[in-house]
Amino acid sequence: MGVIAAGIAMCGSAIGAGIGNGIVVSKFLEGMARQPEMTGALRTNMFIGVGLVEAMPIISLVLSLVYMNK
């Protein structure tokens, strides 16, 4: 049961991260199209946002591995 739970947790976090990355990047491109002179600041904020979104599947992986091995 632990292996199935770990797989479901990883699947959910991967889907969530994919959706989150899509939203962050689309809003970045929208902002860049509206104000091209703000590209540098927008890019910095986009990378911070993508990093925070990508932290979720990494934490989920660690927790899944811990739970699976109990």
PDB file of N, CA and C in Angstrom:
ATOM      1  N   MET A   1       0.815  -1.195   0.000  1.00  0.00           N
ATOM      2  CA  MET A   1       0.000   0.000   0.000  1.00  0.00           C
ATOM      3  C   MET A   1       0.859   1.259   0.000  1.00  0.00           C
ATOM      4  N   GLY A   2       2.005   1.184   0.658  1.00  0.00           N
ATOM      5  CA  GLY A   2       2.881   2.354   0.710  1.00  0.00           C
ATOM      6  C   GLY A   2       3.395   2.752  -0.662  1.00  0.00           C
ATOM      7  N   VAL A   3       3.661   1.764  -1.499  1.00  0.00           N
ATOM      8  CA  VAL A   3       4.166   2.053  -2.844  1.00  0.00           C
ATOM      9  C   VAL A   3       3.083   2.732  -3.676  1.00  0.00           C
ATOM     10  N   ILE A   4       1.857   2.289  -3.551  1.00  0.00           N
ATOM     11  CA  ILE A   4       0.757   2.897  -4.300  1.00  0.00           C
ATOM     12  C   ILE A   4       0.526   4.328  -3.817  1.00  0.00           C
ATOM     13  N   ALA A   5       0.555   4.536  -2.509  1.00  0.00           N
ATOM     14  CA  ALA A   5       0.375   5.879  -1.960  1.00  0.00           C
ATOM     15  C   ALA A   5       1.493   6.814  -2.421  1.00  0.00           C
ATOM     16  N   ALA A   6       2.726   6.311  -2.466  1.00  0.00           N
ATOM     17  CA  ALA A   6       3.842   7.128  -2.925  1.00  0.00           C
ATOM     18  C   ALA A   6       3.668   7.496  -4.396  1.00  0.00           C
ATOM     19  N   GLY A   7       3.210   6.558  -5.199  1.00  0.00           N
ATOM     20  CA  GLY A   7       2.979   6.830  -6.615  1.00  0.00           C
ATOM     21  C   GLY A   7       1.887   7.854  -6.830  1.00  0.00           C
ATOM     22  N   ILE A   8       0.820   7.750  -6.074  1.00  0.00           N
ATOM     23  CA  ILE A   8      -0.279   8.721  -6.202  1.00  0.00           C
ATOM     24  C   ILE A   8       0.180  10.110  -5.764  1.00  0.00           C
ATOM     25  N   ALA A   9       0.954  10.169  -4.685  1.00  0.00           N
ATOM     26  CA  ALA A   9       1.457  11.464  -4.214  1.00  0.00           C
ATOM     27  C   ALA A   9       2.371  12.104  -5.248  1.00  0.00           C
ATOM     28  N   MET A  10       3.243  11.326  -5.858  1.00  0.00           N
ATOM     29  CA  MET A  10       4.141  11.859  -6.873  1.00  0.00           C
ATOM     30  C   MET A  10       3.375  12.291  -8.114  1.00  0.00           C
ATOM     31  N   CYS A  11       2.372  11.522  -8.487  1.00  0.00           N
ATOM     32  CA  CYS A  11       1.566  11.865  -9.656  1.00  0.00           C
ATOM     33  C   CYS A  11       0.848  13.191  -9.435  1.00  0.00           C
ATOM     34  N   GLY A  12       0.242  13.354  -8.281  1.00  0.00           N
ATOM     35  CA  GLY A  12      -0.463  14.595  -7.985  1.00  0.00           C
ATOM     36  C   GLY A  12       0.448  15.800  -7.938  1.00  0.00           C
ATOM     37  N   SER A  13       1.613  15.632  -7.342  1.00  0.00           N
ATOM     38  CA  SER A  13       2.528  16.773  -7.256  1.00  0.00           C
ATOM     39  C   SER A  13       3.132  17.110  -8.616  1.00  0.00           C
ATOM     40  N   ALA A  14       3.358  16.111  -9.453  1.00  0.00           N
ATOM     41  CA  ALA A  14       3.888  16.375 -10.794  1.00  0.00           C
ATOM     42  C   ALA A  14       2.857  17.114 -11.646  1.00  0.00           C
ATOM     43  N   ILE A  15       1.601  16.714 -11.542  1.00  0.00           N
ATOM     44  CA  ILE A  15       0.541  17.401 -12.287  1.00  0.00           C
ATOM     45  C   ILE A  15       0.401  18.834 -11.787  1.00  0.00           C
ATOM     46  N   GLY A  16       0.417  19.008 -10.469  1.00  0.00           N
ATOM     47  CA  GLY A  16       0.319  20.347  -9.898  1.00  0.00           C
ATOM     48  C   GLY A  16       1.479  21.242 -10.304  1.00  0.00           C
ATOM     49  N   ALA A  17       2.676  20.684 -10.334  1.00  0.00           N
ATOM     50  CA  ALA A  17       3.845  21.470 -10.736  1.00  0.00           C
ATOM     51  C   ALA A  17       3.771  21.845 -12.213  1.00  0.00           C
ATOM     52  N   GLY A  18       3.283  20.937 -13.038  1.00  0.00           N
ATOM     53  CA  GLY A  18       3.137  21.233 -14.462  1.00  0.00           C
ATOM     54  C   GLY A  18       2.143  22.362 -14.702  1.00  0.00           C
ATOM     55  N   ILE A  19       1.018  22.297 -14.013  1.00  0.00           N
ATOM     56  CA  ILE A  19       0.018  23.361 -14.142  1.00  0.00           C
ATOM     57  C   ILE A  19       0.571  24.673 -13.610  1.00  0.00           C
ATOM     58  N   GLY A  20       1.240  24.620 -12.467  1.00  0.00           N
ATOM     59  CA  GLY A  20       1.817  25.831 -11.877  1.00  0.00           C
ATOM     60  C   GLY A  20       2.866  26.468 -12.765  1.00  0.00           C
ATOM     61  N   ASN A  21       3.739  25.656 -13.342  1.00  0.00           N
ATOM     62  CA  ASN A  21       4.755  26.191 -14.249  1.00  0.00           C
ATOM     63  C   ASN A  21       4.119  26.812 -15.476  1.00  0.00           C
ATOM     64  N   GLY A  22       3.084  26.173 -15.998  1.00  0.00           N
ATOM     65  CA  GLY A  22       2.394  26.735 -17.155  1.00  0.00           C
ATOM     66  C   GLY A  22       1.792  28.092 -16.856  1.00  0.00           C
ATOM     67  N   ILE A  23       1.189  28.239 -15.684  1.00  0.00           N
ATOM     68  CA  ILE A  23       0.589  29.517 -15.308  1.00  0.00           C
ATOM     69  C   ILE A  23       1.660  30.588 -15.121  1.00  0.00           C
ATOM     70  N   VAL A  24       2.754  30.237 -14.441  1.00  0.00           N
ATOM     71  CA  VAL A  24       3.819  31.215 -14.184  1.00  0.00           C
ATOM     72  C   VAL A  24       4.436  31.698 -15.492  1.00  0.00           C
ATOM     73  N   VAL A  25       4.750  30.773 -16.387  1.00  0.00           N
ATOM     74  CA  VAL A  25       5.398  31.153 -17.646  1.00  0.00           C
ATOM     75  C   VAL A  25       4.434  31.924 -18.539  1.00  0.00           C
ATOM     76  N   SER A  26       3.163  31.535 -18.566  1.00  0.00           N
ATOM     77  CA  SER A  26       2.218  32.267 -19.416  1.00  0.00           C
ATOM     78  C   SER A  26       2.028  33.698 -18.921  1.00  0.00           C
ATOM     79  N   LYS A  27       1.989  33.885 -17.602  1.00  0.00           N
ATOM     80  CA  LYS A  27       1.862  35.246 -17.068  1.00  0.00           C
ATOM     81  C   LYS A  27       3.132  36.064 -17.326  1.00  0.00           C
ATOM     82  N   PHE A  28       4.288  35.401 -17.300  1.00  0.00           N
ATOM     83  CA  PHE A  28       5.534  36.091 -17.634  1.00  0.00           C
ATOM     84  C   PHE A  28       5.506  36.575 -19.073  1.00  0.00           C
ATOM     85  N   LEU A  29       5.096  35.704 -19.987  1.00  0.00           N
ATOM     86  CA  LEU A  29       5.052  36.092 -21.392  1.00  0.00           C
ATOM     87  C   LEU A  29       4.018  37.193 -21.629  1.00  0.00           C
ATOM     88  N   GLU A  30       2.907  37.121 -20.926  1.00  0.00           N
ATOM     89  CA  GLU A  30       1.891  38.157 -21.045  1.00  0.00           C
ATOM     90  C   GLU A  30       2.431  39.505 -20.556  1.00  0.00           C
ATOM     91  N   GLY A  31       3.111  39.499 -19.427  1.00  0.00           N
ATOM     92  CA  GLY A  31       3.701  40.728 -18.908  1.00  0.00           C
ATOM     93  C   GLY A  31       4.805  41.259 -19.797  1.00  0.00           C
ATOM     94  N   MET A  32       5.604  40.366 -20.387  1.00  0.00           N
ATOM     95  CA  MET A  32       6.675  40.782 -21.280  1.00  0.00           C
ATOM     96  C   MET A  32       6.105  41.382 -22.558  1.00  0.00           C
ATOM     97  N   ALA A  33       4.992  40.848 -23.040  1.00  0.00           N
ATOM     98  CA  ALA A  33       4.368  41.391 -24.243  1.00  0.00           C
ATOM     99  C   ALA A  33       3.771  42.768 -23.979  1.00  0.00           C
ATOM    100  N   ARG A  34       3.264  42.981 -22.769  1.00  0.00           N
ATOM    101  CA  ARG A  34       2.653  44.276 -22.449  1.00  0.00           C
ATOM    102  C   ARG A  34       3.695  45.354 -22.166  1.00  0.00           C
ATOM    103  N   GLN A  35       4.784  44.969 -21.470  1.00  0.00           N
ATOM    104  CA  GLN A  35       5.825  45.937 -21.124  1.00  0.00           C
ATOM    105  C   GLN A  35       7.199  45.330 -21.400  1.00  0.00           C
ATOM    106  N   PRO A  36       7.694  45.437 -22.624  1.00  0.00           N
ATOM    107  CA  PRO A  36       8.991  44.817 -22.956  1.00  0.00           C
ATOM    108  C   PRO A  36      10.166  45.371 -22.153  1.00  0.00           C
ATOM    109  N   GLU A  37      10.043  46.604 -21.661  1.00  0.00           N
ATOM    110  CA  GLU A  37      11.171  47.187 -20.909  1.00  0.00           C
ATOM    111  C   GLU A  37      11.318  46.564 -19.523  1.00  0.00           C
ATOM    112  N   MET A  38      10.313  45.840 -19.049  1.00  0.00           N
ATOM    113  CA  MET A  38      10.364  45.193 -17.725  1.00  0.00           C
ATOM    114  C   MET A  38      10.805  43.735 -17.803  1.00  0.00           C
ATOM    115  N   THR A  39      11.345  43.327 -18.930  1.00  0.00           N
ATOM    116  CA  THR A  39      11.678  41.917 -19.129  1.00  0.00           C
ATOM    117  C   THR A  39      12.644  41.392 -18.073  1.00  0.00           C
ATOM    118  N   GLY A  40      13.658  42.166 -17.717  1.00  0.00           N
ATOM    119  CA  GLY A  40      14.645  41.707 -16.742  1.00  0.00           C
ATOM    120  C   GLY A  40      14.041  41.424 -15.377  1.00  0.00           C
ATOM    121  N   ALA A  41      13.239  42.356 -14.883  1.00  0.00           N
ATOM    122  CA  ALA A  41      12.615  42.174 -13.576  1.00  0.00           C
ATOM    123  C   ALA A  41      11.596  41.040 -13.609  1.00  0.00           C
ATOM    124  N   LEU A  42      10.853  40.962 -14.706  1.00  0.00           N
ATOM    125  CA  LEU A  42       9.858  39.891 -14.828  1.00  0.00           C
ATOM    126  C   LEU A  42      10.537  38.523 -14.887  1.00  0.00           C
ATOM    127  N   ARG A  43      11.659  38.444 -15.583  1.00  0.00           N
ATOM    128  CA  ARG A  43      12.367  37.169 -15.696  1.00  0.00           C
ATOM    129  C   ARG A  43      12.885  36.709 -14.340  1.00  0.00           C
ATOM    130  N   THR A  44      13.414  37.646 -13.562  1.00  0.00           N
ATOM    131  CA  THR A  44      13.889  37.302 -12.223  1.00  0.00           C
ATOM    132  C   THR A  44      12.757  36.755 -11.366  1.00  0.00           C
ATOM    133  N   ASN A  45      11.620  37.446 -11.385  1.00  0.00           N
ATOM    134  CA  ASN A  45      10.470  36.988 -10.612  1.00  0.00           C
ATOM    135  C   ASN A  45       9.930  35.663 -11.126  1.00  0.00           C
ATOM    136  N   MET A  46      10.005  35.454 -12.450  1.00  0.00           N
ATOM    137  CA  MET A  46       9.545  34.186 -13.011  1.00  0.00           C
ATOM    138  C   MET A  46      10.421  33.033 -12.510  1.00  0.00           C
ATOM    139  N   PHE A  47      11.728  33.228 -12.491  1.00  0.00           N
ATOM    140  CA  PHE A  47      12.620  32.158 -12.024  1.00  0.00           C
ATOM    141  C   PHE A  47      12.391  31.845 -10.547  1.00  0.00           C
ATOM    142  N   ILE A  48      12.124  32.867  -9.750  1.00  0.00           N
ATOM    143  CA  ILE A  48      11.811  32.628  -8.342  1.00  0.00           C
ATOM    144  C   ILE A  48      10.520  31.832  -8.222  1.00  0.00           C
ATOM    145  N   GLY A  49       9.506  32.210  -8.996  1.00  0.00           N
ATOM    146  CA  GLY A  49       8.232  31.496  -8.970  1.00  0.00           C
ATOM    147  C   GLY A  49       8.352  30.064  -9.432  1.00  0.00           C
ATOM    148  N   VAL A  50       9.101  29.840 -10.496  1.00  0.00           N
ATOM    149  CA  VAL A  50       9.293  28.473 -10.995  1.00  0.00           C
ATOM    150  C   VAL A  50      10.054  27.640  -9.973  1.00  0.00           C
ATOM    151  N   GLY A  51      11.030  28.241  -9.315  1.00  0.00           N
ATOM    152  CA  GLY A  51      11.769  27.519  -8.277  1.00  0.00           C
ATOM    153  C   GLY A  51      10.876  27.111  -7.123  1.00  0.00           C
ATOM    154  N   LEU A  52       9.976  28.001  -6.726  1.00  0.00           N
ATOM    155  CA  LEU A  52       9.056  27.669  -5.639  1.00  0.00           C
ATOM    156  C   LEU A  52       8.057  26.598  -6.064  1.00  0.00           C
ATOM    157  N   VAL A  53       7.606  26.672  -7.308  1.00  0.00           N
ATOM    158  CA  VAL A  53       6.667  25.658  -7.798  1.00  0.00           C
ATOM    159  C   VAL A  53       7.359  24.304  -7.894  1.00  0.00           C
ATOM    160  N   GLU A  54       8.609  24.285  -8.337  1.00  0.00           N
ATOM    161  CA  GLU A  54       9.334  23.020  -8.485  1.00  0.00           C
ATOM    162  C   GLU A  54       9.752  22.414  -7.149  1.00  0.00           C
ATOM    163  N   ALA A  55       9.710  23.198  -6.080  1.00  0.00           N
ATOM    164  CA  ALA A  55      10.046  22.651  -4.765  1.00  0.00           C
ATOM    165  C   ALA A  55       8.996  21.646  -4.302  1.00  0.00           C
ATOM    166  N   MET A  56       7.756  21.835  -4.741  1.00  0.00           N
ATOM    167  CA  MET A  56       6.673  20.944  -4.308  1.00  0.00           C
ATOM    168  C   MET A  56       6.912  19.483  -4.727  1.00  0.00           C
ATOM    169  N   PRO A  57       7.233  19.185  -5.995  1.00  0.00           N
ATOM    170  CA  PRO A  57       7.462  17.778  -6.328  1.00  0.00           C
ATOM    171  C   PRO A  57       8.707  17.185  -5.663  1.00  0.00           C
ATOM    172  N   ILE A  58       9.702  18.020  -5.407  1.00  0.00           N
ATOM    173  CA  ILE A  58      10.910  17.516  -4.737  1.00  0.00           C
ATOM    174  C   ILE A  58      10.585  17.118  -3.301  1.00  0.00           C
ATOM    175  N   ILE A  59       9.830  17.973  -2.605  1.00  0.00           N
ATOM    176  CA  ILE A  59       9.420  17.638  -1.241  1.00  0.00           C
ATOM    177  C   ILE A  59       8.519  16.412  -1.251  1.00  0.00           C
ATOM    178  N   SER A  60       7.634  16.322  -2.236  1.00  0.00           N
ATOM    179  CA  SER A  60       6.744  15.168  -2.348  1.00  0.00           C
ATOM    180  C   SER A  60       7.541  13.885  -2.607  1.00  0.00           C
ATOM    181  N   LEU A  61       8.580  13.974  -3.408  1.00  0.00           N
ATOM    182  CA  LEU A  61       9.428  12.807  -3.666  1.00  0.00           C
ATOM    183  C   LEU A  61      10.077  12.323  -2.381  1.00  0.00           C
ATOM    184  N   VAL A  62      10.627  13.236  -1.616  1.00  0.00           N
ATOM    185  CA  VAL A  62      11.297  12.859  -0.365  1.00  0.00           C
ATOM    186  C   VAL A  62      10.307  12.246   0.608  1.00  0.00           C
ATOM    187  N   LEU A  63       9.143  12.882   0.757  1.00  0.00           N
ATOM    188  CA  LEU A  63       8.151  12.350   1.669  1.00  0.00           C
ATOM    189  C   LEU A  63       7.614  10.991   1.190  1.00  0.00           C
ATOM    190  N   SER A  64       7.470  10.835  -0.113  1.00  0.00           N
ATOM    191  CA  SER A  64       7.008   9.543  -0.649  1.00  0.00           C
ATOM    192  C   SER A  64       8.021   8.440  -0.390  1.00  0.00           C
ATOM    193  N   LEU A  65       9.292   8.745  -0.559  1.00  0.00           N
ATOM    194  CA  LEU A  65      10.321   7.751  -0.297  1.00  0.00           C
ATOM    195  C   LEU A  65      10.376   7.391   1.186  1.00  0.00           C
ATOM    196  N   VAL A  66      10.217   8.382   2.043  1.00  0.00           N
ATOM    197  CA  VAL A  66      10.208   8.108   3.482  1.00  0.00           C
ATOM    198  C   VAL A  66       9.007   7.250   3.848  1.00  0.00           C
ATOM    199  N   TYR A  67       7.839   7.599   3.327  1.00  0.00           N
ATOM    200  CA  TYR A  67       6.618   6.850   3.637  1.00  0.00           C
ATOM    201  C   TYR A  67       6.654   5.448   3.059  1.00  0.00           C
ATOM    202  N   MET A  68       7.225   5.311   1.869  1.00  0.00           N
ATOM    203  CA  MET A  68       7.274   4.013   1.201  1.00  0.00           C
ATOM    204  C   MET A  68       8.188   3.048   1.973  1.00  0.00           C
ATOM    205  N   ASN A  69       9.235   3.549   2.596  1.00  0.00           N
ATOM    206  CA  ASN A  69      10.189   2.687   3.283  1.00  0.00           C
ATOM    207  C   ASN A  69       9.803   2.393   4.727  1.00  0.00           C
ATOM    208  N   LYS A  70       8.663   2.880   5.188  1.00  0.00           N
ATOM    209  CA  LYS A  70       8.238   2.589   6.572  1.00  0.00           C
ATOM    210  C   LYS A  70       7.473   1.305   6.621  1.00  0.00           C
TER     211      LYS A  70
END
